């Protein structure tokens, strides 16, 4: 994840494939909301791009918080390697 920002009722951002290999979508996005060291909620969504992503390629995402309280967060994006 190269950028992630709270924007209204969502966390928006981007991630770059830094594996050195092409990766396949769909690209899953998971956002975890925290208050200190307490996990408040988890929200899943998918990146806007699908299909193959070349090394150093970028995907963008918007993970809805559905009105959840999210004072601090971490975000992860995953895809998979094709054979």
PDB file of N, CA and C in Angstrom:
ATOM      1  N   UNK A   1       0.865  -1.175   0.000  1.00  0.00           N
ATOM      2  CA  UNK A   1       0.000   0.000   0.000  1.00  0.00           C
ATOM      3  C   UNK A   1       0.903   1.227   0.000  1.00  0.00           C
ATOM      4  N   UNK A   2       0.736   2.054  -0.999  1.00  0.00           N
ATOM      5  CA  UNK A   2       1.566   3.254  -1.116  1.00  0.00           C
ATOM      6  C   UNK A   2       0.874   4.495  -0.582  1.00  0.00           C
ATOM      7  N   UNK A   3      -0.460   4.447  -0.503  1.00  0.00           N
ATOM      8  CA  UNK A   3      -1.219   5.579   0.011  1.00  0.00           C
ATOM      9  C   UNK A   3      -2.557   5.074   0.515  1.00  0.00           C
ATOM     10  N   UNK A   4      -2.978   5.580   1.672  1.00  0.00           N
ATOM     11  CA  UNK A   4      -4.305   5.274   2.214  1.00  0.00           C
ATOM     12  C   UNK A   4      -4.750   6.451   3.066  1.00  0.00           C
ATOM     13  N   UNK A   5      -5.947   6.968   2.759  1.00  0.00           N
ATOM     14  CA  UNK A   5      -6.477   8.137   3.457  1.00  0.00           C
ATOM     15  C   UNK A   5      -7.946   7.926   3.787  1.00  0.00           C
ATOM     16  N   UNK A   6      -8.355   8.412   4.965  1.00  0.00           N
ATOM     17  CA  UNK A   6      -9.771   8.425   5.302  1.00  0.00           C
ATOM     18  C   UNK A   6     -10.398   9.559   4.503  1.00  0.00           C
ATOM     19  N   UNK A   7     -11.490   9.250   3.822  1.00  0.00           N
ATOM     20  CA  UNK A   7     -12.176  10.247   3.002  1.00  0.00           C
ATOM     21  C   UNK A   7     -13.676  10.034   3.172  1.00  0.00           C
ATOM     22  N   UNK A   8     -14.288  10.833   4.030  1.00  0.00           N
ATOM     23  CA  UNK A   8     -15.713  10.659   4.284  1.00  0.00           C
ATOM     24  C   UNK A   8     -15.965   9.338   4.964  1.00  0.00           C
ATOM     25  N   UNK A   9     -16.759   8.485   4.335  1.00  0.00           N
ATOM     26  CA  UNK A   9     -17.130   7.194   4.903  1.00  0.00           C
ATOM     27  C   UNK A   9     -16.354   6.046   4.264  1.00  0.00           C
ATOM     28  N   UNK A  10     -15.122   6.319   3.821  1.00  0.00           N
ATOM     29  CA  UNK A  10     -14.319   5.281   3.170  1.00  0.00           C
ATOM     30  C   UNK A  10     -12.832   5.533   3.398  1.00  0.00           C
ATOM     31  N   UNK A  11     -12.073   4.492   3.159  1.00  0.00           N
ATOM     32  CA  UNK A  11     -10.613   4.608   3.115  1.00  0.00           C
ATOM     33  C   UNK A  11     -10.236   4.421   1.656  1.00  0.00           C
ATOM     34  N   UNK A  12      -9.573   5.405   1.084  1.00  0.00           N
ATOM     35  CA  UNK A  12      -9.201   5.366  -0.328  1.00  0.00           C
ATOM     36  C   UNK A  12      -7.684   5.365  -0.438  1.00  0.00           C
ATOM     37  N   UNK A  13      -7.181   4.735  -1.495  1.00  0.00           N
ATOM     38  CA  UNK A  13      -5.738   4.721  -1.657  1.00  0.00           C
ATOM     39  C   UNK A  13      -5.287   3.935  -2.864  1.00  0.00           C
ATOM     40  N   UNK A  14      -4.025   3.546  -2.816  1.00  0.00           N
ATOM     41  CA  UNK A  14      -3.399   2.830  -3.925  1.00  0.00           C
ATOM     42  C   UNK A  14      -2.360   1.852  -3.386  1.00  0.00           C
ATOM     43  N   UNK A  15      -2.082   0.840  -4.190  1.00  0.00           N
ATOM     44  CA  UNK A  15      -1.052  -0.145  -3.865  1.00  0.00           C
ATOM     45  C   UNK A  15      -0.271  -0.457  -5.135  1.00  0.00           C
ATOM     46  N   UNK A  16       1.012  -0.751  -4.984  1.00  0.00           N
ATOM     47  CA  UNK A  16       1.894  -1.056  -6.104  1.00  0.00           C
ATOM     48  C   UNK A  16       2.424  -2.474  -5.957  1.00  0.00           C
ATOM     49  N   UNK A  17       2.485  -3.199  -7.075  1.00  0.00           N
ATOM     50  CA  UNK A  17       3.060  -4.548  -7.099  1.00  0.00           C
ATOM     51  C   UNK A  17       4.578  -4.433  -7.029  1.00  0.00           C
ATOM     52  N   UNK A  18       5.147  -4.688  -5.859  1.00  0.00           N
ATOM     53  CA  UNK A  18       6.592  -4.619  -5.673  1.00  0.00           C
ATOM     54  C   UNK A  18       7.225  -6.003  -5.563  1.00  0.00           C
ATOM     55  N   UNK A  19       6.524  -7.041  -6.072  1.00  0.00           N
ATOM     56  CA  UNK A  19       7.032  -8.409  -5.973  1.00  0.00           C
ATOM     57  C   UNK A  19       8.067  -8.739  -7.045  1.00  0.00           C
ATOM     58  N   UNK A  20       8.095  -7.951  -8.112  1.00  0.00           N
ATOM     59  CA  UNK A  20       8.986  -8.260  -9.222  1.00  0.00           C
ATOM     60  C   UNK A  20       8.372  -9.249 -10.208  1.00  0.00           C
ATOM     61  N   UNK A  21       7.155  -9.708  -9.936  1.00  0.00           N
ATOM     62  CA  UNK A  21       6.440 -10.647 -10.798  1.00  0.00           C
ATOM     63  C   UNK A  21       5.065 -10.086 -11.113  1.00  0.00           C
ATOM     64  N   UNK A  22       4.466 -10.565 -12.199  1.00  0.00           N
ATOM     65  CA  UNK A  22       3.096 -10.193 -12.520  1.00  0.00           C
ATOM     66  C   UNK A  22       2.162 -10.863 -11.511  1.00  0.00           C
ATOM     67  N   UNK A  23       1.141 -10.152 -11.061  1.00  0.00           N
ATOM     68  CA  UNK A  23       0.158 -10.726 -10.143  1.00  0.00           C
ATOM     69  C   UNK A  23      -1.228 -10.614 -10.761  1.00  0.00           C
ATOM     70  N   UNK A  24      -2.136 -11.470 -10.314  1.00  0.00           N
ATOM     71  CA  UNK A  24      -3.488 -11.539 -10.850  1.00  0.00           C
ATOM     72  C   UNK A  24      -4.495 -11.005  -9.842  1.00  0.00           C
ATOM     73  N   UNK A  25      -5.575 -10.441 -10.343  1.00  0.00           N
ATOM     74  CA  UNK A  25      -6.688 -10.042  -9.507  1.00  0.00           C
ATOM     75  C   UNK A  25      -7.752 -11.106  -9.521  1.00  0.00           C
ATOM     76  N   UNK A  26      -8.832 -10.944  -8.832  1.00  0.00           N
ATOM     77  CA  UNK A  26      -9.214  -9.700  -8.187  1.00  0.00           C
ATOM     78  C   UNK A  26      -8.305  -9.399  -6.996  1.00  0.00           C
ATOM     79  N   UNK A  27      -8.138  -8.111  -6.712  1.00  0.00           N
ATOM     80  CA  UNK A  27      -7.278  -7.670  -5.627  1.00  0.00           C
ATOM     81  C   UNK A  27      -8.140  -7.330  -4.415  1.00  0.00           C
ATOM     82  N   UNK A  28      -7.949  -8.085  -3.360  1.00  0.00           N
ATOM     83  CA  UNK A  28      -8.726  -7.926  -2.144  1.00  0.00           C
ATOM     84  C   UNK A  28      -8.144  -6.809  -1.287  1.00  0.00           C
ATOM     85  N   UNK A  29      -9.022  -6.003  -0.702  1.00  0.00           N
ATOM     86  CA  UNK A  29      -8.614  -4.906   0.175  1.00  0.00           C
ATOM     87  C   UNK A  29      -9.221  -5.159   1.552  1.00  0.00           C
ATOM     88  N   UNK A  30      -8.394  -5.149   2.592  1.00  0.00           N
ATOM     89  CA  UNK A  30      -8.873  -5.297   3.961  1.00  0.00           C
ATOM     90  C   UNK A  30      -8.415  -4.106   4.779  1.00  0.00           C
ATOM     91  N   UNK A  31      -9.365  -3.459   5.439  1.00  0.00           N
ATOM     92  CA  UNK A  31      -9.063  -2.310   6.295  1.00  0.00           C
ATOM     93  C   UNK A  31      -9.479  -2.661   7.719  1.00  0.00           C
ATOM     94  N   UNK A  32      -8.593  -2.406   8.668  1.00  0.00           N
ATOM     95  CA  UNK A  32      -8.862  -2.647  10.084  1.00  0.00           C
ATOM     96  C   UNK A  32      -8.847  -1.317  10.812  1.00  0.00           C
ATOM     97  N   UNK A  33      -9.918  -1.037  11.560  1.00  0.00           N
ATOM     98  CA  UNK A  33     -10.026   0.202  12.331  1.00  0.00           C
ATOM     99  C   UNK A  33      -9.618  -0.063  13.774  1.00  0.00           C
ATOM    100  N   UNK A  34      -8.842   0.858  14.345  1.00  0.00           N
ATOM    101  CA  UNK A  34      -8.325   0.733  15.700  1.00  0.00           C
ATOM    102  C   UNK A  34      -8.645   1.958  16.532  1.00  0.00           C
ATOM    103  N   UNK A  35      -8.718   1.730  17.830  1.00  0.00           N
ATOM    104  CA  UNK A  35      -8.711   2.796  18.823  1.00  0.00           C
ATOM    105  C   UNK A  35      -7.622   2.387  19.806  1.00  0.00           C
ATOM    106  N   UNK A  36      -6.458   3.002  19.688  1.00  0.00           N
ATOM    107  CA  UNK A  36      -5.293   2.541  20.451  1.00  0.00           C
ATOM    108  C   UNK A  36      -4.893   1.174  19.946  1.00  0.00           C
ATOM    109  N   UNK A  37      -4.832   0.177  20.849  1.00  0.00           N
ATOM    110  CA  UNK A  37      -4.491  -1.183  20.422  1.00  0.00           C
ATOM    111  C   UNK A  37      -5.721  -2.082  20.333  1.00  0.00           C
ATOM    112  N   UNK A  38      -6.912  -1.498  20.408  1.00  0.00           N
ATOM    113  CA  UNK A  38      -8.158  -2.253  20.325  1.00  0.00           C
ATOM    114  C   UNK A  38      -8.706  -2.206  18.896  1.00  0.00           C
ATOM    115  N   UNK A  39      -8.976  -3.383  18.308  1.00  0.00           N
ATOM    116  CA  UNK A  39      -9.568  -3.457  16.978  1.00  0.00           C
ATOM    117  C   UNK A  39     -11.063  -3.156  17.103  1.00  0.00           C
ATOM    118  N   UNK A  40     -11.523  -2.152  16.369  1.00  0.00           N
ATOM    119  CA  UNK A  40     -12.932  -1.772  16.396  1.00  0.00           C
ATOM    120  C   UNK A  40     -13.745  -2.497  15.328  1.00  0.00           C
ATOM    121  N   UNK A  41     -13.165  -2.662  14.125  1.00  0.00           N
ATOM    122  CA  UNK A  41     -13.896  -3.288  13.027  1.00  0.00           C
ATOM    123  C   UNK A  41     -12.951  -3.644  11.893  1.00  0.00           C
ATOM    124  N   UNK A  42     -13.446  -4.505  10.989  1.00  0.00           N
ATOM    125  CA  UNK A  42     -12.712  -4.901   9.791  1.00  0.00           C
ATOM    126  C   UNK A  42     -13.652  -4.717   8.613  1.00  0.00           C
ATOM    127  N   UNK A  43     -13.123  -4.185   7.510  1.00  0.00           N
ATOM    128  CA  UNK A  43     -13.935  -3.925   6.321  1.00  0.00           C
ATOM    129  C   UNK A  43     -13.204  -4.459   5.098  1.00  0.00           C
ATOM    130  N   UNK A  44     -13.896  -5.239   4.282  1.00  0.00           N
ATOM    131  CA  UNK A  44     -13.297  -5.797   3.078  1.00  0.00           C
ATOM    132  C   UNK A  44     -13.953  -5.252   1.829  1.00  0.00           C
ATOM    133  N   UNK A  45     -13.179  -5.187   0.769  1.00  0.00           N
ATOM    134  CA  UNK A  45     -13.677  -4.716  -0.522  1.00  0.00           C
ATOM    135  C   UNK A  45     -12.704  -5.206  -1.589  1.00  0.00           C
ATOM    136  N   UNK A  46     -12.852  -4.739  -2.806  1.00  0.00           N
ATOM    137  CA  UNK A  46     -11.942  -5.091  -3.891  1.00  0.00           C
ATOM    138  C   UNK A  46     -11.404  -3.824  -4.536  1.00  0.00           C
ATOM    139  N   UNK A  47     -10.183  -3.916  -5.047  1.00  0.00           N
ATOM    140  CA  UNK A  47      -9.587  -2.801  -5.782  1.00  0.00           C
ATOM    141  C   UNK A  47     -10.373  -2.587  -7.075  1.00  0.00           C
ATOM    142  N   UNK A  48     -10.246  -1.394  -7.620  1.00  0.00           N
ATOM    143  CA  UNK A  48     -10.978  -1.061  -8.843  1.00  0.00           C
ATOM    144  C   UNK A  48     -10.478  -1.866 -10.043  1.00  0.00           C
ATOM    145  N   UNK A  49      -9.200  -2.204 -10.080  1.00  0.00           N
ATOM    146  CA  UNK A  49      -8.646  -2.965 -11.197  1.00  0.00           C
ATOM    147  C   UNK A  49      -8.812  -4.467 -10.946  1.00  0.00           C
ATOM    148  N   UNK A  50      -8.900  -5.210 -12.035  1.00  0.00           N
ATOM    149  CA  UNK A  50      -8.989  -6.666 -11.990  1.00  0.00           C
ATOM    150  C   UNK A  50      -7.985  -7.171 -13.019  1.00  0.00           C
ATOM    151  N   UNK A  51      -7.786  -8.442 -13.121  1.00  0.00           N
ATOM    152  CA  UNK A  51      -6.908  -8.965 -14.157  1.00  0.00           C
ATOM    153  C   UNK A  51      -5.441  -8.813 -13.813  1.00  0.00           C
ATOM    154  N   UNK A  52      -4.562  -9.115 -14.757  1.00  0.00           N
ATOM    155  CA  UNK A  52      -3.119  -9.118 -14.471  1.00  0.00           C
ATOM    156  C   UNK A  52      -2.575  -7.719 -14.205  1.00  0.00           C
ATOM    157  N   UNK A  53      -1.602  -7.670 -13.323  1.00  0.00           N
ATOM    158  CA  UNK A  53      -0.920  -6.428 -12.987  1.00  0.00           C
ATOM    159  C   UNK A  53       0.580  -6.667 -13.129  1.00  0.00           C
ATOM    160  N   UNK A  54       1.223  -5.897 -13.992  1.00  0.00           N
ATOM    161  CA  UNK A  54       2.659  -6.039 -14.242  1.00  0.00           C
ATOM    162  C   UNK A  54       3.455  -5.577 -13.024  1.00  0.00           C
ATOM    163  N   UNK A  55       4.707  -6.026 -12.913  1.00  0.00           N
ATOM    164  CA  UNK A  55       5.561  -5.515 -11.834  1.00  0.00           C
ATOM    165  C   UNK A  55       5.568  -3.983 -11.854  1.00  0.00           C
ATOM    166  N   UNK A  56       5.495  -3.404 -10.691  1.00  0.00           N
ATOM    167  CA  UNK A  56       5.434  -1.954 -10.485  1.00  0.00           C
ATOM    168  C   UNK A  56       4.110  -1.339 -10.934  1.00  0.00           C
ATOM    169  N   UNK A  57       3.130  -2.159 -11.321  1.00  0.00           N
ATOM    170  CA  UNK A  57       1.806  -1.662 -11.667  1.00  0.00           C
ATOM    171  C   UNK A  57       1.044  -1.252 -10.416  1.00  0.00           C
ATOM    172  N   UNK A  58       0.037  -0.430 -10.586  1.00  0.00           N
ATOM    173  CA  UNK A  58      -0.697   0.129  -9.451  1.00  0.00           C
ATOM    174  C   UNK A  58      -2.189  -0.194  -9.526  1.00  0.00           C
ATOM    175  N   UNK A  59      -2.801  -0.460  -8.382  1.00  0.00           N
ATOM    176  CA  UNK A  59      -4.249  -0.578  -8.264  1.00  0.00           C
ATOM    177  C   UNK A  59      -4.734   0.498  -7.297  1.00  0.00           C
ATOM    178  N   UNK A  60      -5.969   0.944  -7.482  1.00  0.00           N
ATOM    179  CA  UNK A  60      -6.570   1.918  -6.577  1.00  0.00           C
ATOM    180  C   UNK A  60      -7.782   1.277  -5.909  1.00  0.00           C
ATOM    181  N   UNK A  61      -8.127   1.790  -4.740  1.00  0.00           N
ATOM    182  CA  UNK A  61      -9.238   1.199  -4.005  1.00  0.00           C
ATOM    183  C   UNK A  61      -9.990   2.243  -3.197  1.00  0.00           C
ATOM    184  N   UNK A  62     -11.218   1.870  -2.829  1.00  0.00           N
ATOM    185  CA  UNK A  62     -12.056   2.641  -1.930  1.00  0.00           C
ATOM    186  C   UNK A  62     -12.801   1.629  -1.074  1.00  0.00           C
ATOM    187  N   UNK A  63     -12.445   1.518   0.198  1.00  0.00           N
ATOM    188  CA  UNK A  63     -13.070   0.557   1.108  1.00  0.00           C
ATOM    189  C   UNK A  63     -14.074   1.297   1.986  1.00  0.00           C
ATOM    190  N   UNK A  64     -15.351   1.000   1.818  1.00  0.00           N
ATOM    191  CA  UNK A  64     -16.399   1.672   2.588  1.00  0.00           C
ATOM    192  C   UNK A  64     -16.321   1.276   4.053  1.00  0.00           C
ATOM    193  N   UNK A  65     -16.533   2.255   4.932  1.00  0.00           N
ATOM    194  CA  UNK A  65     -16.553   2.015   6.374  1.00  0.00           C
ATOM    195  C   UNK A  65     -17.973   1.827   6.898  1.00  0.00           C
ATOM    196  N   UNK A  66     -18.974   2.035   6.070  1.00  0.00           N
ATOM    197  CA  UNK A  66     -20.373   1.858   6.441  1.00  0.00           C
ATOM    198  C   UNK A  66     -20.714   2.565   7.751  1.00  0.00           C
ATOM    199  N   UNK A  67     -20.169   3.763   7.936  1.00  0.00           N
ATOM    200  CA  UNK A  67     -20.480   4.559   9.117  1.00  0.00           C
ATOM    201  C   UNK A  67     -19.725   4.182  10.378  1.00  0.00           C
ATOM    202  N   UNK A  68     -18.793   3.247  10.285  1.00  0.00           N
ATOM    203  CA  UNK A  68     -18.052   2.790  11.469  1.00  0.00           C
ATOM    204  C   UNK A  68     -17.092   3.864  11.978  1.00  0.00           C
ATOM    205  N   UNK A  69     -16.880   3.888  13.272  1.00  0.00           N
ATOM    206  CA  UNK A  69     -15.884   4.744  13.899  1.00  0.00           C
ATOM    207  C   UNK A  69     -14.505   4.198  13.532  1.00  0.00           C
ATOM    208  N   UNK A  70     -13.625   5.044  13.019  1.00  0.00           N
ATOM    209  CA  UNK A  70     -12.313   4.569  12.569  1.00  0.00           C
ATOM    210  C   UNK A  70     -11.249   5.635  12.839  1.00  0.00           C
ATOM    211  N   UNK A  71     -10.859   5.809  14.120  1.00  0.00           N
ATOM    212  CA  UNK A  71      -9.883   6.845  14.454  1.00  0.00           C
ATOM    213  C   UNK A  71      -8.484   6.558  13.903  1.00  0.00           C
ATOM    214  N   UNK A  72      -8.131   5.301  13.752  1.00  0.00           N
ATOM    215  CA  UNK A  72      -6.842   4.897  13.157  1.00  0.00           C
ATOM    216  C   UNK A  72      -7.093   3.618  12.369  1.00  0.00           C
ATOM    217  N   UNK A  73      -6.282   3.371  11.328  1.00  0.00           N
ATOM    218  CA  UNK A  73      -6.525   2.192  10.502  1.00  0.00           C
ATOM    219  C   UNK A  73      -5.238   1.668   9.881  1.00  0.00           C
ATOM    220  N   UNK A  74      -5.283   0.410   9.471  1.00  0.00           N
ATOM    221  CA  UNK A  74      -4.255  -0.189   8.623  1.00  0.00           C
ATOM    222  C   UNK A  74      -4.994  -0.835   7.456  1.00  0.00           C
ATOM    223  N   UNK A  75      -4.319  -0.900   6.304  1.00  0.00           N
ATOM    224  CA  UNK A  75      -4.925  -1.446   5.088  1.00  0.00           C
ATOM    225  C   UNK A  75      -3.951  -2.414   4.444  1.00  0.00           C
ATOM    226  N   UNK A  76      -4.476  -3.519   3.943  1.00  0.00           N
ATOM    227  CA  UNK A  76      -3.691  -4.482   3.182  1.00  0.00           C
ATOM    228  C   UNK A  76      -4.379  -4.780   1.863  1.00  0.00           C
ATOM    229  N   UNK A  77      -3.598  -5.010   0.818  1.00  0.00           N
ATOM    230  CA  UNK A  77      -4.121  -5.362  -0.503  1.00  0.00           C
ATOM    231  C   UNK A  77      -3.410  -6.632  -0.944  1.00  0.00           C
ATOM    232  N   UNK A  78      -4.194  -7.602  -1.447  1.00  0.00           N
ATOM    233  CA  UNK A  78      -3.579  -8.851  -1.885  1.00  0.00           C
ATOM    234  C   UNK A  78      -4.155  -9.297  -3.218  1.00  0.00           C
ATOM    235  N   UNK A  79      -3.341  -9.998  -3.974  1.00  0.00           N
ATOM    236  CA  UNK A  79      -3.723 -10.641  -5.223  1.00  0.00           C
ATOM    237  C   UNK A  79      -3.094 -12.024  -5.176  1.00  0.00           C
ATOM    238  N   UNK A  80      -2.845 -12.626  -6.326  1.00  0.00           N
ATOM    239  CA  UNK A  80      -2.187 -13.924  -6.328  1.00  0.00           C
ATOM    240  C   UNK A  80      -1.284 -14.041  -7.553  1.00  0.00           C
ATOM    241  N   UNK A  81      -0.306 -14.953  -7.457  1.00  0.00           N
ATOM    242  CA  UNK A  81       0.612 -15.207  -8.559  1.00  0.00           C
ATOM    243  C   UNK A  81       0.007 -16.243  -9.484  1.00  0.00           C
ATOM    244  N   UNK A  82       0.105 -16.007 -10.793  1.00  0.00           N
ATOM    245  CA  UNK A  82      -0.363 -17.017 -11.762  1.00  0.00           C
ATOM    246  C   UNK A  82       0.792 -17.969 -12.048  1.00  0.00           C
ATOM    247  N   UNK A  83       0.439 -19.105 -12.584  1.00  0.00           N
ATOM    248  CA  UNK A  83       1.477 -20.106 -12.869  1.00  0.00           C
ATOM    249  C   UNK A  83       2.161 -19.814 -14.176  1.00  0.00           C
TER     250      UNK A  83
END
